[in-house]
Amino acid sequence: RNAKKYVEDGIKFASKVEMDFYHRFIRGKGYRFEHHKRFCLTERYTMGGVKCRACTYAPDFVIKDKDGQILHVFDVKGSLSNYDMDKDAKKTFRWFQSRYRIPVEIVVPRAHDFKMKILDIPRGLQERHVKRDRQGNVKLYEKTGNPMYDYYDVHKSVNYDIRDTIGW
């Protein structure tokens, strides 16, 4: 929302992280994609004689196959923390997934790859990784002293089948 906007190849990016993901994983790779394609979550409706707006969601990137079928719906974030992915964003992702039955792949670009996470799929379907702080130290629960874990997959390109990840 408050991030500086960037324009490249005629595309307006909402953040440097989003533009970086485009440069490294989409641009020049031959993928058919749409940027900020709007999906309707609720139609316009009338309530008490007042016309109310429709609710939409525009993921950062939608990757399609040669037949136009959606392969990936990417939402690019700076991290998987609650700071970068607030409750409203999580609700929107769930709402989209419920309506369209397509997973929103939350991606976080890193130096040589990207982390990918999908909300609400069983934990056993994505790899378990110990959480670390910015200094690289393992994060521990205060009460038990046990390590904290997160669940995500790591990819070096978008050439993976999301159906393999979620068992569909």
C-alpha atoms as a PDB file:
ATOM      1  CA  ARG A   1       0.000   0.000   0.000  1.00  0.00           C
ATOM      2  CA  ASN A   2       2.701   2.471   0.959  1.00  0.00           C
ATOM      3  CA  ALA A   3       5.441   0.912  -1.172  1.00  0.00           C
ATOM      4  CA  LYS A   4       7.031   2.794  -4.043  1.00  0.00           C
ATOM      5  CA  LYS A   5       5.604   1.805  -7.441  1.00  0.00           C
ATOM      6  CA  TYR A   6       7.869   0.553 -10.242  1.00  0.00           C
ATOM      7  CA  VAL A   7       7.199   0.351 -13.991  1.00  0.00           C
ATOM      8  CA  GLU A   8       9.009  -1.988 -16.359  1.00  0.00           C
ATOM      9  CA  ASP A   9       8.013  -3.593 -19.681  1.00  0.00           C
ATOM     10  CA  GLY A  10       4.789  -1.559 -19.478  1.00  0.00           C
ATOM     11  CA  ILE A  11       3.826  -3.284 -16.205  1.00  0.00           C
ATOM     12  CA  LYS A  12       3.208  -1.301 -13.017  1.00  0.00           C
ATOM     13  CA  PHE A  13       4.533  -3.215 -10.014  1.00  0.00           C
ATOM     14  CA  ALA A  14       3.278  -2.563  -6.496  1.00  0.00           C
ATOM     15  CA  SER A  15       6.718  -3.147  -4.947  1.00  0.00           C
ATOM     16  CA  LYS A  16      10.368  -3.849  -5.669  1.00  0.00           C
ATOM     17  CA  VAL A  17       9.891  -7.407  -4.348  1.00  0.00           C
ATOM     18  CA  GLU A  18       7.110  -8.010  -6.891  1.00  0.00           C
ATOM     19  CA  MET A  19       9.248  -6.590  -9.720  1.00  0.00           C
ATOM     20  CA  ASP A  20      12.190  -8.739  -8.605  1.00  0.00           C
ATOM     21  CA  PHE A  21      10.026 -11.889  -8.738  1.00  0.00           C
ATOM     22  CA  TYR A  22       8.935 -10.928 -12.268  1.00  0.00           C
ATOM     23  CA  HIS A  23      12.530 -10.345 -13.410  1.00  0.00           C
ATOM     24  CA  ARG A  24      13.933 -13.559 -11.994  1.00  0.00           C
ATOM     25  CA  PHE A  25      11.139 -16.070 -12.460  1.00  0.00           C
ATOM     26  CA  ILE A  26       8.689 -14.891 -15.163  1.00  0.00           C
ATOM     27  CA  ARG A  27      10.246 -12.406 -17.621  1.00  0.00           C
ATOM     28  CA  GLY A  28      11.723 -13.982 -20.726  1.00  0.00           C
ATOM     29  CA  LYS A  29      10.775 -17.538 -19.694  1.00  0.00           C
ATOM     30  CA  GLY A  30       7.985 -17.908 -22.265  1.00  0.00           C
ATOM     31  CA  TYR A  31       5.136 -18.113 -19.759  1.00  0.00           C
ATOM     32  CA  ARG A  32       1.676 -16.788 -20.546  1.00  0.00           C
ATOM     33  CA  PHE A  33       0.821 -14.600 -17.593  1.00  0.00           C
ATOM     34  CA  GLU A  34      -1.449 -11.838 -16.404  1.00  0.00           C
ATOM     35  CA  HIS A  35      -0.460  -9.224 -13.869  1.00  0.00           C
ATOM     36  CA  HIS A  36      -3.041  -8.073 -11.309  1.00  0.00           C
ATOM     37  CA  LYS A  37      -5.897  -9.856 -13.094  1.00  0.00           C
ATOM     38  CA  ARG A  38      -9.109  -9.166 -11.180  1.00  0.00           C
ATOM     39  CA  PHE A  39     -11.221 -12.042  -9.907  1.00  0.00           C
ATOM     40  CA  CYS A  40     -14.719 -11.393  -8.581  1.00  0.00           C
ATOM     41  CA  LEU A  41     -15.306 -12.621  -5.028  1.00  0.00           C
ATOM     42  CA  THR A  42     -18.830 -11.146  -4.728  1.00  0.00           C
ATOM     43  CA  GLU A  43     -21.057  -9.588  -7.358  1.00  0.00           C
ATOM     44  CA  ARG A  44     -22.547  -6.108  -7.043  1.00  0.00           C
ATOM     45  CA  TYR A  45     -25.691  -6.204  -4.993  1.00  0.00           C
ATOM     46  CA  THR A  46     -28.465  -3.961  -3.738  1.00  0.00           C
ATOM     47  CA  MET A  47     -29.166  -3.543  -0.056  1.00  0.00           C
ATOM     48  CA  GLY A  48     -32.067  -1.388   1.073  1.00  0.00           C
ATOM     49  CA  GLY A  49     -32.185   0.387  -2.279  1.00  0.00           C
ATOM     50  CA  VAL A  50     -28.443   1.183  -2.197  1.00  0.00           C
ATOM     51  CA  LYS A  51     -26.126  -0.338  -4.794  1.00  0.00           C
ATOM     52  CA  CYS A  52     -23.090  -1.922  -3.146  1.00  0.00           C
ATOM     53  CA  ARG A  53     -19.783  -2.597  -4.842  1.00  0.00           C
ATOM     54  CA  ALA A  54     -18.498  -5.987  -5.859  1.00  0.00           C
ATOM     55  CA  CYS A  55     -15.536  -7.407  -3.969  1.00  0.00           C
ATOM     56  CA  THR A  56     -12.534  -8.463  -6.068  1.00  0.00           C
ATOM     57  CA  TYR A  57      -9.062  -9.913  -5.627  1.00  0.00           C
ATOM     58  CA  ALA A  58      -6.131  -9.240  -7.958  1.00  0.00           C
ATOM     59  CA  PRO A  59      -3.198 -11.616  -7.382  1.00  0.00           C
ATOM     60  CA  ASP A  60       0.209 -10.369  -8.454  1.00  0.00           C
ATOM     61  CA  PHE A  61       0.671 -12.972 -11.206  1.00  0.00           C
ATOM     62  CA  VAL A  62      -1.512 -15.599 -12.860  1.00  0.00           C
ATOM     63  CA  ILE A  63       0.494 -18.094 -14.934  1.00  0.00           C
ATOM     64  CA  LYS A  64      -1.401 -20.016 -17.639  1.00  0.00           C
ATOM     65  CA  ASP A  65      -0.619 -22.958 -19.881  1.00  0.00           C
ATOM     66  CA  LYS A  66      -0.861 -22.843 -23.692  1.00  0.00           C
ATOM     67  CA  ASP A  67      -4.595 -23.653 -23.498  1.00  0.00           C
ATOM     68  CA  GLY A  68      -5.313 -20.800 -21.091  1.00  0.00           C
ATOM     69  CA  GLN A  69      -5.736 -22.994 -18.013  1.00  0.00           C
ATOM     70  CA  ILE A  70      -4.403 -21.487 -14.779  1.00  0.00           C
ATOM     71  CA  LEU A  71      -1.216 -23.163 -13.549  1.00  0.00           C
ATOM     72  CA  HIS A  72      -0.283 -20.766 -10.734  1.00  0.00           C
ATOM     73  CA  VAL A  73      -1.809 -17.856  -8.838  1.00  0.00           C
ATOM     74  CA  PHE A  74       1.074 -16.004  -7.176  1.00  0.00           C
ATOM     75  CA  ASP A  75       0.894 -13.365  -4.478  1.00  0.00           C
ATOM     76  CA  VAL A  76       4.380 -11.964  -3.829  1.00  0.00           C
ATOM     77  CA  LYS A  77       5.308 -10.980  -0.267  1.00  0.00           C
ATOM     78  CA  GLY A  78       8.475  -9.809   1.467  1.00  0.00           C
ATOM     79  CA  SER A  79       8.180 -12.570   4.069  1.00  0.00           C
ATOM     80  CA  LEU A  80       5.774 -15.163   5.394  1.00  0.00           C
ATOM     81  CA  SER A  81       5.379 -13.267   8.668  1.00  0.00           C
ATOM     82  CA  ASN A  82       2.196 -11.621   9.898  1.00  0.00           C
ATOM     83  CA  TYR A  83       3.799  -8.242   9.135  1.00  0.00           C
ATOM     84  CA  ASP A  84       3.766  -8.937   5.380  1.00  0.00           C
ATOM     85  CA  MET A  85       0.648 -11.100   5.379  1.00  0.00           C
ATOM     86  CA  ASP A  86      -2.016  -9.623   7.637  1.00  0.00           C
ATOM     87  CA  LYS A  87      -5.336 -11.234   8.602  1.00  0.00           C
ATOM     88  CA  ASP A  88      -7.241  -9.437   5.840  1.00  0.00           C
ATOM     89  CA  ALA A  89      -4.867 -10.767   3.163  1.00  0.00           C
ATOM     90  CA  LYS A  90      -5.181 -14.285   4.559  1.00  0.00           C
ATOM     91  CA  LYS A  91      -8.990 -14.002   4.507  1.00  0.00           C
ATOM     92  CA  THR A  92      -8.899 -12.821   0.895  1.00  0.00           C
ATOM     93  CA  PHE A  93      -6.657 -15.744  -0.115  1.00  0.00           C
ATOM     94  CA  ARG A  94      -9.020 -18.200   1.599  1.00  0.00           C
ATOM     95  CA  TRP A  95     -12.055 -16.550   0.034  1.00  0.00           C
ATOM     96  CA  PHE A  96     -10.495 -16.786  -3.450  1.00  0.00           C
ATOM     97  CA  GLN A  97      -9.484 -20.431  -2.897  1.00  0.00           C
ATOM     98  CA  SER A  98     -12.987 -21.295  -1.697  1.00  0.00           C
ATOM     99  CA  ARG A  99     -14.688 -19.634  -4.648  1.00  0.00           C
ATOM    100  CA  TYR A 100     -12.357 -20.705  -7.471  1.00  0.00           C
ATOM    101  CA  ARG A 101     -10.833 -23.915  -6.030  1.00  0.00           C
ATOM    102  CA  ILE A 102      -7.390 -22.681  -7.087  1.00  0.00           C
ATOM    103  CA  PRO A 103      -4.643 -22.300  -4.471  1.00  0.00           C
ATOM    104  CA  VAL A 104      -3.038 -18.911  -3.894  1.00  0.00           C
ATOM    105  CA  GLU A 105       0.702 -19.510  -3.807  1.00  0.00           C
ATOM    106  CA  ILE A 106       2.282 -16.997  -1.466  1.00  0.00           C
ATOM    107  CA  VAL A 107       5.846 -16.510  -2.686  1.00  0.00           C
ATOM    108  CA  VAL A 108       8.861 -14.856  -1.077  1.00  0.00           C
ATOM    109  CA  PRO A 109      11.837 -14.289  -3.409  1.00  0.00           C
ATOM    110  CA  ARG A 110      15.268 -15.114  -1.973  1.00  0.00           C
ATOM    111  CA  ALA A 111      18.801 -14.868  -3.382  1.00  0.00           C
ATOM    112  CA  HIS A 112      18.670 -17.966  -5.625  1.00  0.00           C
ATOM    113  CA  ASP A 113      15.117 -19.298  -5.243  1.00  0.00           C
ATOM    114  CA  PHE A 114      11.771 -18.507  -3.647  1.00  0.00           C
ATOM    115  CA  LYS A 115       9.745 -19.834  -0.752  1.00  0.00           C
ATOM    116  CA  MET A 116       6.174 -20.845  -1.545  1.00  0.00           C
ATOM    117  CA  LYS A 117       3.381 -21.454   0.937  1.00  0.00           C
ATOM    118  CA  ILE A 118      -0.326 -22.178   0.583  1.00  0.00           C
ATOM    119  CA  LEU A 119      -2.684 -21.413   3.442  1.00  0.00           C
ATOM    120  CA  ASP A 120      -4.901 -24.116   4.929  1.00  0.00           C
ATOM    121  CA  ILE A 121      -3.405 -27.207   3.327  1.00  0.00           C
ATOM    122  CA  PRO A 122      -2.431 -29.987   5.729  1.00  0.00           C
ATOM    123  CA  ARG A 123       1.019 -29.423   7.222  1.00  0.00           C
ATOM    124  CA  GLY A 124       2.317 -32.784   6.078  1.00  0.00           C
ATOM    125  CA  LEU A 125       2.019 -31.736   2.420  1.00  0.00           C
ATOM    126  CA  GLN A 126       4.635 -28.983   2.688  1.00  0.00           C
ATOM    127  CA  GLU A 127       8.133 -29.330   4.086  1.00  0.00           C
ATOM    128  CA  ARG A 128       8.800 -28.406   7.696  1.00  0.00           C
ATOM    129  CA  HIS A 129      11.535 -25.797   8.271  1.00  0.00           C
ATOM    130  CA  VAL A 130      12.850 -24.456  11.535  1.00  0.00           C
ATOM    131  CA  LYS A 131      12.178 -20.717  11.957  1.00  0.00           C
ATOM    132  CA  ARG A 132      15.164 -18.403  12.302  1.00  0.00           C
ATOM    133  CA  ASP A 133      15.549 -14.777  13.342  1.00  0.00           C
ATOM    134  CA  ARG A 134      17.372 -12.179  11.233  1.00  0.00           C
ATOM    135  CA  GLN A 135      20.714 -13.207  12.717  1.00  0.00           C
ATOM    136  CA  GLY A 136      20.144 -16.844  11.724  1.00  0.00           C
ATOM    137  CA  ASN A 137      19.463 -18.115  15.248  1.00  0.00           C
ATOM    138  CA  VAL A 138      16.783 -20.786  15.702  1.00  0.00           C
ATOM    139  CA  LYS A 139      13.573 -19.310  17.160  1.00  0.00           C
ATOM    140  CA  LEU A 140      12.379 -21.100  20.294  1.00  0.00           C
ATOM    141  CA  TYR A 141       9.082 -21.160  22.152  1.00  0.00           C
ATOM    142  CA  GLU A 142       9.490 -19.320  25.466  1.00  0.00           C
ATOM    143  CA  LYS A 143       7.549 -21.829  27.590  1.00  0.00           C
ATOM    144  CA  THR A 144       9.001 -25.076  26.249  1.00  0.00           C
ATOM    145  CA  GLY A 145      12.292 -24.061  24.661  1.00  0.00           C
ATOM    146  CA  ASN A 146      11.375 -26.165  21.604  1.00  0.00           C
ATOM    147  CA  PRO A 147      12.149 -24.858  18.099  1.00  0.00           C
ATOM    148  CA  MET A 148       9.432 -23.070  16.109  1.00  0.00           C
ATOM    149  CA  TYR A 149       8.628 -24.446  12.648  1.00  0.00           C
ATOM    150  CA  ASP A 150       7.140 -23.113   9.435  1.00  0.00           C
ATOM    151  CA  TYR A 151       5.825 -25.010   6.427  1.00  0.00           C
ATOM    152  CA  TYR A 152       6.783 -24.011   2.893  1.00  0.00           C
ATOM    153  CA  ASP A 153       8.377 -25.358  -0.291  1.00  0.00           C
ATOM    154  CA  VAL A 154      11.453 -23.925  -2.025  1.00  0.00           C
ATOM    155  CA  HIS A 155      11.548 -23.601  -5.820  1.00  0.00           C
ATOM    156  CA  LYS A 156      14.137 -22.325  -8.295  1.00  0.00           C
ATOM    157  CA  SER A 157      11.572 -21.738 -11.079  1.00  0.00           C
ATOM    158  CA  VAL A 158       7.810 -21.795 -11.605  1.00  0.00           C
ATOM    159  CA  ASN A 159       8.108 -25.088 -13.532  1.00  0.00           C
ATOM    160  CA  TYR A 160       6.373 -27.201 -10.910  1.00  0.00           C
ATOM    161  CA  ASP A 161       2.908 -28.641 -10.756  1.00  0.00           C
ATOM    162  CA  ILE A 162       1.040 -27.280  -7.750  1.00  0.00           C
ATOM    163  CA  ARG A 163      -1.193 -30.355  -7.880  1.00  0.00           C
ATOM    164  CA  ASP A 164       1.795 -32.437  -6.774  1.00  0.00           C
ATOM    165  CA  THR A 165       2.205 -30.206  -3.714  1.00  0.00           C
ATOM    166  CA  ILE A 166      -1.391 -30.357  -2.561  1.00  0.00           C
ATOM    167  CA  GLY A 167      -2.210 -33.868  -3.752  1.00  0.00           C
ATOM    168  CA  TRP A 168      -5.001 -32.911  -6.149  1.00  0.00           C
END
